[in-house]
């Protein structure tokens, strides 16, 4: 028999993933980034507020990279903030998945397809997330 916690018998006491609320970076009050321009340009807060209207549409958002988690489920998970939204409402930090890699501290213009209420399973659920994002510095 294999030891408890191995692939054959996963440990039962793993903490659930925090998803879009718990995995977010704390709001950086010093961030102030001008809004992107063009079709479906939005602020981070507007991406959450208008997620039903923007669902499955390409969006353009400018922000500062505050967290990068590389190569999870074959993608880079990049958190951006632009100074809008509030930490208590959970609409200050937008997660983007991408094949691109950026650095924490970069100010970028991101474009990708917004998904509303995306559930990856295992507790990874996002009220708004941008998938297949590309970044320009």
Protein backbone atom coordinates (compact mmCIF):
# COMPACT_ATOMS: atom_id res chain seq x y z
CA UNK A 1 0.00 0.00 0.00
CA UNK A 2 1.14 3.53 -0.72
CA UNK A 3 1.69 6.11 1.97
CA UNK A 4 -1.14 8.46 2.85
CA UNK A 5 -1.03 11.68 0.85
CA UNK A 6 0.47 10.17 -2.30
CA UNK A 7 -1.13 10.26 -5.72
CA UNK A 8 -2.89 6.97 -5.08
CA UNK A 9 -4.51 8.31 -1.91
CA UNK A 10 -4.54 12.10 -1.79
CA UNK A 11 -4.56 13.69 1.62
CA UNK A 12 -8.05 14.64 2.78
CA UNK A 13 -6.88 17.68 4.77
CA UNK A 14 -5.74 19.90 1.91
CA UNK A 15 -7.03 23.46 2.26
CA UNK A 16 -9.41 24.54 -0.45
CA UNK A 17 -8.04 26.98 -2.98
CA UNK A 18 -9.05 30.53 -2.24
CA UNK A 19 -10.00 31.27 -5.87
CA UNK A 20 -10.36 34.87 -6.97
CA UNK A 21 -10.93 36.32 -3.49
CA UNK A 22 -8.22 34.66 -1.40
CA UNK A 23 -5.41 34.46 -3.94
CA UNK A 24 -5.49 38.15 -4.75
CA UNK A 25 -2.65 40.45 -3.95
CA UNK A 26 -3.42 43.12 -1.37
CA UNK A 27 -4.47 46.45 -2.83
CA UNK A 28 -1.48 48.70 -3.42
CA UNK A 29 -2.74 52.19 -2.63
CA UNK A 30 0.15 53.76 -4.55
CA UNK A 31 -0.98 52.37 -7.92
CA UNK A 32 -2.58 54.85 -10.29
CA UNK A 33 -2.60 53.80 -13.94
CA UNK A 34 -4.44 55.57 -16.75
CA UNK A 35 -7.23 53.62 -18.46
CA UNK A 36 -6.49 51.81 -21.72
CA UNK A 37 -8.08 53.09 -24.93
CA UNK A 38 -9.92 51.28 -27.71
CA UNK A 39 -12.90 48.94 -28.04
CA UNK A 40 -13.94 47.33 -24.73
CA UNK A 41 -11.24 49.25 -22.84
CA UNK A 42 -11.94 49.02 -19.12
CA UNK A 43 -10.47 49.60 -15.70
CA UNK A 44 -10.02 46.65 -13.35
CA UNK A 45 -13.13 47.70 -11.40
CA UNK A 46 -15.15 48.08 -14.64
CA UNK A 47 -14.13 44.56 -15.72
CA UNK A 48 -15.88 43.21 -12.61
CA UNK A 49 -18.84 45.64 -12.76
CA UNK A 50 -19.49 44.95 -16.47
CA UNK A 51 -18.52 41.27 -16.50
CA UNK A 52 -21.96 40.17 -17.77
CA UNK A 53 -21.76 42.56 -20.72
CA UNK A 54 -18.07 41.83 -21.41
CA UNK A 55 -18.33 38.04 -20.94
CA UNK A 56 -16.61 36.20 -23.83
CA UNK A 57 -15.49 39.50 -25.36
CA UNK A 58 -11.98 40.80 -25.91
CA UNK A 59 -11.09 43.49 -23.37
CA UNK A 60 -8.15 45.87 -23.07
CA UNK A 61 -6.99 46.85 -19.58
CA UNK A 62 -3.93 48.77 -18.42
CA UNK A 63 -2.46 47.97 -15.04
CA UNK A 64 0.55 47.24 -12.90
CA UNK A 65 1.63 43.62 -12.43
CA UNK A 66 1.42 42.84 -8.70
CA UNK A 67 1.77 39.03 -8.67
CA UNK A 68 2.90 36.32 -11.09
CA UNK A 69 2.41 32.58 -10.61
CA UNK A 70 4.29 30.79 -13.38
CA UNK A 71 3.21 27.60 -15.12
CA UNK A 72 0.14 26.54 -13.19
CA UNK A 73 -2.07 24.28 -15.33
CA UNK A 74 0.21 25.19 -18.27
CA UNK A 75 -0.35 28.94 -17.97
CA UNK A 76 1.12 31.97 -16.24
CA UNK A 77 -1.36 33.54 -13.79
CA UNK A 78 -0.78 37.29 -13.73
CA UNK A 79 -2.51 39.69 -11.33
CA UNK A 80 -2.90 43.33 -12.37
CA UNK A 81 -4.17 46.38 -10.49
CA UNK A 82 -4.79 49.93 -11.72
CA UNK A 83 -5.82 51.70 -8.52
CA UNK A 84 -9.57 51.19 -9.06
CA UNK A 85 -11.84 48.97 -7.00
CA UNK A 86 -11.58 48.03 -3.36
CA UNK A 87 -10.06 45.10 -1.53
CA UNK A 88 -13.20 44.61 0.57
CA UNK A 89 -15.34 44.31 -2.58
CA UNK A 90 -12.74 42.06 -4.23
CA UNK A 91 -12.77 44.10 -7.45
CA UNK A 92 -9.31 45.71 -7.24
CA UNK A 93 -7.23 42.83 -8.61
CA UNK A 94 -7.77 41.14 -11.98
CA UNK A 95 -6.26 37.74 -12.72
CA UNK A 96 -5.16 37.02 -16.30
CA UNK A 97 -3.93 33.71 -17.71
CA UNK A 98 -1.32 33.87 -20.44
CA UNK A 99 1.52 32.13 -22.21
CA UNK A 100 3.33 35.51 -21.98
CA UNK A 101 5.58 36.28 -19.03
CA UNK A 102 5.84 39.67 -17.37
CA UNK A 103 7.57 40.86 -14.22
CA UNK A 104 6.05 42.14 -10.98
CA UNK A 105 6.19 45.94 -11.17
CA UNK A 106 5.72 46.15 -14.96
CA UNK A 107 3.00 48.54 -16.15
CA UNK A 108 1.30 46.77 -19.04
CA UNK A 109 -1.59 46.98 -21.46
CA UNK A 110 -3.29 43.59 -21.40
CA UNK A 111 -5.73 42.25 -23.95
CA UNK A 112 -7.61 38.98 -23.77
CA UNK A 113 -11.05 37.42 -23.47
CA UNK A 114 -12.96 38.14 -20.26
CA UNK A 115 -14.80 35.25 -18.61
CA UNK A 116 -17.47 35.82 -15.95
CA UNK A 117 -17.88 33.35 -13.05
CA UNK A 118 -15.18 31.02 -14.36
CA UNK A 119 -14.81 27.83 -12.31
CA UNK A 120 -11.70 25.73 -12.91
CA UNK A 121 -12.73 23.23 -10.21
CA UNK A 122 -10.85 22.50 -7.03
CA UNK A 123 -11.97 25.81 -5.55
CA UNK A 124 -10.45 27.95 -8.29
CA UNK A 125 -13.45 30.17 -9.07
CA UNK A 126 -13.21 33.71 -10.41
CA UNK A 127 -15.95 36.36 -10.63
CA UNK A 128 -13.99 37.80 -13.58
CA UNK A 129 -10.81 36.54 -15.22
CA UNK A 130 -9.10 37.32 -18.52
CA UNK A 131 -7.91 34.28 -20.46
CA UNK A 132 -5.29 33.91 -23.20
CA UNK A 133 -4.04 37.41 -22.43
CA UNK A 134 -1.24 39.17 -24.26
CA UNK A 135 0.77 41.98 -22.70
CA UNK A 136 2.48 45.09 -24.06
CA UNK A 137 4.79 47.22 -21.93
